[in-house]
Amino acid sequence: MEYQNVTLSLPKDVLKKAKILAIEQDSSLSGLMSRLLEELVSKGDNYHQARERHLAIFKKLDLGTGGRVNWNREDLHERR
């Protein structure tokens, strides 16, 4: 995997806490940030893949309407 350096600006208090967190996890700040970003990207990819799978399933469903709506709001909500 090819790497590229980036510049990141953080509030000083966040940076200090992040460094402590990295040390507690026996990691560097760079390693910690890399791992967290990889997890975030992976979750996003997984979400989009699941969404596409579910949309494909919905397209195959036959609800018996033929794609037409044969009712209106009043039909669904009888008012007296």
Protein backbone atom coordinates (compact mmCIF):
# COMPACT_ATOMS: atom_id res chain seq x y z
CA MET A 1 0.00 0.00 0.00
CA GLU A 2 1.33 3.41 -0.92
CA TYR A 3 1.23 6.12 1.73
CA GLN A 4 1.04 9.89 1.50
CA ASN A 5 1.71 12.42 4.22
CA VAL A 6 -1.03 14.90 5.13
CA THR A 7 -1.14 17.97 7.31
CA LEU A 8 -3.83 18.06 9.95
CA SER A 9 -4.76 20.95 12.22
CA LEU A 10 -6.33 20.05 15.55
CA PRO A 11 -7.17 21.99 18.68
CA LYS A 12 -4.27 21.65 21.13
CA ASP A 13 -6.36 19.99 23.83
CA VAL A 14 -7.64 17.38 21.35
CA LEU A 15 -4.12 16.73 20.09
CA LYS A 16 -2.82 16.24 23.63
CA LYS A 17 -5.60 13.75 24.47
CA ALA A 18 -5.12 11.95 21.15
CA LYS A 19 -1.41 11.51 21.84
CA ILE A 20 -2.20 10.05 25.26
CA LEU A 21 -4.77 7.72 23.69
CA ALA A 22 -2.24 6.55 21.11
CA ILE A 23 0.32 5.82 23.83
CA GLU A 24 -2.28 3.88 25.83
CA GLN A 25 -2.99 1.79 22.74
CA ASP A 26 0.74 1.20 22.15
CA SER A 27 0.53 3.12 18.88
CA SER A 28 1.77 6.29 17.30
CA LEU A 29 -0.58 9.19 16.64
CA SER A 30 -0.20 8.52 12.93
CA GLY A 31 -1.07 4.84 13.45
CA LEU A 32 -4.08 5.71 15.58
CA MET A 33 -5.43 8.22 13.06
CA SER A 34 -4.79 5.85 10.17
CA ARG A 35 -6.65 3.00 11.89
CA LEU A 36 -9.60 5.23 12.83
CA LEU A 37 -9.91 6.63 9.31
CA GLU A 38 -9.71 3.14 7.81
CA GLU A 39 -12.54 2.00 10.11
CA LEU A 40 -14.63 5.04 9.18
CA VAL A 41 -14.13 4.48 5.45
CA SER A 42 -14.87 0.77 5.81
CA LYS A 43 -18.13 1.47 7.64
CA GLY A 44 -19.14 3.88 4.88
CA ASP A 45 -18.31 1.31 2.20
CA ASN A 46 -20.25 -1.40 4.06
CA TYR A 47 -23.26 0.90 4.39
CA HIS A 48 -23.32 1.69 0.67
CA GLN A 49 -22.94 -1.97 -0.27
CA ALA A 50 -25.80 -2.97 2.05
CA ARG A 51 -27.95 -0.14 0.71
CA GLU A 52 -27.41 -1.28 -2.88
CA ARG A 53 -28.25 -4.89 -1.95
CA HIS A 54 -31.47 -3.83 -0.24
CA LEU A 55 -32.52 -1.55 -3.09
CA ALA A 56 -32.03 -4.44 -5.50
CA ILE A 57 -34.26 -6.63 -3.32
CA PHE A 58 -36.95 -3.93 -3.19
CA LYS A 59 -36.96 -3.66 -6.97
CA LYS A 60 -37.79 -7.37 -7.20
CA LEU A 61 -40.75 -7.15 -4.80
CA ASP A 62 -44.23 -7.34 -6.24
CA LEU A 63 -46.68 -5.58 -3.96
CA GLY A 64 -49.58 -6.23 -6.31
CA THR A 65 -50.05 -2.59 -7.23
CA GLY A 66 -48.44 -2.71 -10.65
CA GLY A 67 -46.66 0.45 -9.64
CA ARG A 68 -49.90 2.42 -9.32
CA VAL A 69 -51.40 4.02 -6.26
CA ASN A 70 -55.14 3.33 -6.18
CA TRP A 71 -55.90 5.08 -2.92
CA ASN A 72 -55.75 8.51 -1.41
CA ARG A 73 -55.23 9.83 2.08
CA GLU A 74 -58.93 9.94 2.88
CA ASP A 75 -59.25 6.25 1.99
CA LEU A 76 -56.52 5.40 4.50
CA HIS A 77 -57.73 7.69 7.28
CA GLU A 78 -61.49 7.59 7.64
CA ARG A 79 -62.68 10.64 9.47
CA ARG A 80 -66.02 11.03 11.14
